[in-house]
Amino acid sequence: METAITLNHFLFVSGVLFAIGLAGVLVRRNLIIIFMCLELMLAAANLTLVAFSRFNLKDGQPDYEGHVLLFFIITVAAAEVAVGLAIIVALFRSKGTTDVTKVDTMKY
């Protein structure tokens, strides 16, 4: 029995990934884990974008404009990772911890 993968399957997986990422952001206290969960949420949004782009047909062919936009999003995410990790490392060097409950001020 063969079943086709539909848009609903992609949206379900994307929703689960986004929910896991959101739960990680809300529950965890470690900045690195929170940062990874934010990236997981961004990946879920990218999956949704590509799924909608793939299933949107123009003249019987898939519309790949969403895929092009995805490359720009990945580029911005890479820059975000570089800056975010630099901020986390600087915070760890000054405070000695990455626990968000222990960091209550931006002063050294």
C-alpha atoms as a PDB file:
ATOM      1  CA  MET A   1       0.000   0.000   0.000  1.00  0.00           C
ATOM      2  CA  GLU A   2       1.593   3.237  -1.164  1.00  0.00           C
ATOM      3  CA  THR A   3       0.579   6.591   0.226  1.00  0.00           C
ATOM      4  CA  ALA A   4       1.608   9.949  -1.175  1.00  0.00           C
ATOM      5  CA  ILE A   5       3.164  12.570   1.025  1.00  0.00           C
ATOM      6  CA  THR A   6       0.883  15.570   1.060  1.00  0.00           C
ATOM      7  CA  LEU A   7       1.185  19.134   2.235  1.00  0.00           C
ATOM      8  CA  ASN A   8      -0.499  18.147   5.496  1.00  0.00           C
ATOM      9  CA  HIS A   9       2.345  15.764   6.323  1.00  0.00           C
ATOM     10  CA  PHE A  10       4.916  18.525   5.885  1.00  0.00           C
ATOM     11  CA  LEU A  11       2.865  20.959   7.939  1.00  0.00           C
ATOM     12  CA  PHE A  12       2.436  18.399  10.713  1.00  0.00           C
ATOM     13  CA  VAL A  13       6.192  17.767  10.921  1.00  0.00           C
ATOM     14  CA  SER A  14       6.854  21.499  10.811  1.00  0.00           C
ATOM     15  CA  GLY A  15       4.336  22.114  13.583  1.00  0.00           C
ATOM     16  CA  VAL A  16       5.888  19.425  15.773  1.00  0.00           C
ATOM     17  CA  LEU A  17       9.380  20.853  15.226  1.00  0.00           C
ATOM     18  CA  PHE A  18       8.160  24.354  16.024  1.00  0.00           C
ATOM     19  CA  ALA A  19       6.392  23.125  19.177  1.00  0.00           C
ATOM     20  CA  ILE A  20       9.536  21.324  20.361  1.00  0.00           C
ATOM     21  CA  GLY A  21      11.577  24.460  19.753  1.00  0.00           C
ATOM     22  CA  LEU A  22       9.050  26.666  21.548  1.00  0.00           C
ATOM     23  CA  ALA A  23       8.940  24.299  24.516  1.00  0.00           C
ATOM     24  CA  GLY A  24      12.728  24.339  24.666  1.00  0.00           C
ATOM     25  CA  VAL A  25      12.819  28.136  24.658  1.00  0.00           C
ATOM     26  CA  LEU A  26      10.219  28.368  27.409  1.00  0.00           C
ATOM     27  CA  VAL A  27      11.513  25.572  29.648  1.00  0.00           C
ATOM     28  CA  ARG A  28      15.296  25.605  29.378  1.00  0.00           C
ATOM     29  CA  ARG A  29      17.611  27.988  31.200  1.00  0.00           C
ATOM     30  CA  ASN A  30      20.867  27.440  29.331  1.00  0.00           C
ATOM     31  CA  LEU A  31      21.476  30.104  26.673  1.00  0.00           C
ATOM     32  CA  ILE A  32      23.051  27.655  24.241  1.00  0.00           C
ATOM     33  CA  ILE A  33      20.061  25.296  24.445  1.00  0.00           C
ATOM     34  CA  ILE A  34      17.680  28.238  24.003  1.00  0.00           C
ATOM     35  CA  PHE A  35      19.673  29.358  20.983  1.00  0.00           C
ATOM     36  CA  MET A  36      19.500  25.866  19.448  1.00  0.00           C
ATOM     37  CA  CYS A  37      15.747  25.745  20.049  1.00  0.00           C
ATOM     38  CA  LEU A  38      15.373  29.094  18.273  1.00  0.00           C
ATOM     39  CA  GLU A  39      17.247  27.631  15.318  1.00  0.00           C
ATOM     40  CA  LEU A  40      14.914  24.620  15.397  1.00  0.00           C
ATOM     41  CA  MET A  41      11.945  26.977  15.201  1.00  0.00           C
ATOM     42  CA  LEU A  42      13.565  28.730  12.238  1.00  0.00           C
ATOM     43  CA  ALA A  43      14.085  25.358  10.530  1.00  0.00           C
ATOM     44  CA  ALA A  44      10.395  24.552  11.059  1.00  0.00           C
ATOM     45  CA  ALA A  45       9.428  27.834   9.419  1.00  0.00           C
ATOM     46  CA  ASN A  46      11.783  27.060   6.519  1.00  0.00           C
ATOM     47  CA  LEU A  47      10.196  23.631   6.089  1.00  0.00           C
ATOM     48  CA  THR A  48       6.766  25.236   5.916  1.00  0.00           C
ATOM     49  CA  LEU A  49       7.977  27.750   3.350  1.00  0.00           C
ATOM     50  CA  VAL A  50       9.461  25.050   1.127  1.00  0.00           C
ATOM     51  CA  ALA A  51       6.377  22.834   1.483  1.00  0.00           C
ATOM     52  CA  PHE A  52       4.019  25.602   0.422  1.00  0.00           C
ATOM     53  CA  SER A  53       6.366  26.511  -2.415  1.00  0.00           C
ATOM     54  CA  ARG A  54       6.563  22.901  -3.591  1.00  0.00           C
ATOM     55  CA  PHE A  55       2.831  22.289  -3.579  1.00  0.00           C
ATOM     56  CA  ASN A  56       1.968  25.613  -5.236  1.00  0.00           C
ATOM     57  CA  LEU A  57       1.727  24.730  -8.922  1.00  0.00           C
ATOM     58  CA  LYS A  58       2.082  27.209 -11.779  1.00  0.00           C
ATOM     59  CA  ASP A  59       1.297  25.810 -15.211  1.00  0.00           C
ATOM     60  CA  GLY A  60       1.587  22.276 -13.836  1.00  0.00           C
ATOM     61  CA  GLN A  61       5.117  22.863 -12.480  1.00  0.00           C
ATOM     62  CA  PRO A  62       6.140  23.555  -8.869  1.00  0.00           C
ATOM     63  CA  ASP A  63       6.768  27.179  -7.966  1.00  0.00           C
ATOM     64  CA  TYR A  64      10.337  27.353  -6.666  1.00  0.00           C
ATOM     65  CA  GLU A  65      10.299  30.976  -5.511  1.00  0.00           C
ATOM     66  CA  GLY A  66      10.064  29.823  -1.891  1.00  0.00           C
ATOM     67  CA  HIS A  67      13.211  27.773  -2.332  1.00  0.00           C
ATOM     68  CA  VAL A  68      15.101  30.860  -3.454  1.00  0.00           C
ATOM     69  CA  LEU A  69      13.847  32.768  -0.420  1.00  0.00           C
ATOM     70  CA  LEU A  70      15.023  29.877   1.747  1.00  0.00           C
ATOM     71  CA  PHE A  71      18.643  30.454   0.727  1.00  0.00           C
ATOM     72  CA  PHE A  72      18.418  34.067   1.885  1.00  0.00           C
ATOM     73  CA  ILE A  73      16.924  32.936   5.191  1.00  0.00           C
ATOM     74  CA  ILE A  74      19.726  30.388   5.678  1.00  0.00           C
ATOM     75  CA  THR A  75      22.308  33.104   4.989  1.00  0.00           C
ATOM     76  CA  VAL A  76      20.764  35.407   7.592  1.00  0.00           C
ATOM     77  CA  ALA A  77      20.550  32.496  10.044  1.00  0.00           C
ATOM     78  CA  ALA A  78      24.263  31.789   9.587  1.00  0.00           C
ATOM     79  CA  ALA A  79      25.076  35.403  10.413  1.00  0.00           C
ATOM     80  CA  GLU A  80      22.723  35.203  13.389  1.00  0.00           C
ATOM     81  CA  VAL A  81      24.529  32.121  14.674  1.00  0.00           C
ATOM     82  CA  ALA A  82      27.915  33.817  14.412  1.00  0.00           C
ATOM     83  CA  VAL A  83      26.777  36.933  16.280  1.00  0.00           C
ATOM     84  CA  GLY A  84      24.685  35.008  18.804  1.00  0.00           C
ATOM     85  CA  LEU A  85      27.463  32.618  19.735  1.00  0.00           C
ATOM     86  CA  ALA A  86      29.895  35.523  20.059  1.00  0.00           C
ATOM     87  CA  ILE A  87      27.512  37.209  22.493  1.00  0.00           C
ATOM     88  CA  ILE A  88      27.078  33.975  24.462  1.00  0.00           C
ATOM     89  CA  VAL A  89      30.856  33.454  24.680  1.00  0.00           C
ATOM     90  CA  ALA A  90      31.369  37.062  25.823  1.00  0.00           C
ATOM     91  CA  LEU A  91      28.625  36.639  28.424  1.00  0.00           C
ATOM     92  CA  PHE A  92      30.167  33.399  29.656  1.00  0.00           C
ATOM     93  CA  ARG A  93      33.581  35.024  29.957  1.00  0.00           C
ATOM     94  CA  SER A  94      32.239  37.943  31.972  1.00  0.00           C
ATOM     95  CA  LYS A  95      29.672  36.141  34.155  1.00  0.00           C
ATOM     96  CA  GLY A  96      31.055  32.606  34.236  1.00  0.00           C
ATOM     97  CA  THR A  97      27.700  31.017  33.417  1.00  0.00           C
ATOM     98  CA  THR A  98      25.179  30.644  30.612  1.00  0.00           C
ATOM     99  CA  ASP A  99      22.210  30.235  32.958  1.00  0.00           C
ATOM    100  CA  VAL A 100      19.634  32.910  32.138  1.00  0.00           C
ATOM    101  CA  THR A 101      18.395  33.098  35.729  1.00  0.00           C
ATOM    102  CA  LYS A 102      21.844  34.121  36.938  1.00  0.00           C
ATOM    103  CA  VAL A 103      22.263  36.871  34.349  1.00  0.00           C
ATOM    104  CA  ASP A 104      20.082  39.718  35.533  1.00  0.00           C
ATOM    105  CA  THR A 105      21.921  42.750  34.173  1.00  0.00           C
ATOM    106  CA  MET A 106      23.885  43.685  31.095  1.00  0.00           C
ATOM    107  CA  LYS A 107      26.640  45.319  33.172  1.00  0.00           C
ATOM    108  CA  TYR A 108      29.946  43.590  33.873  1.00  0.00           C
END
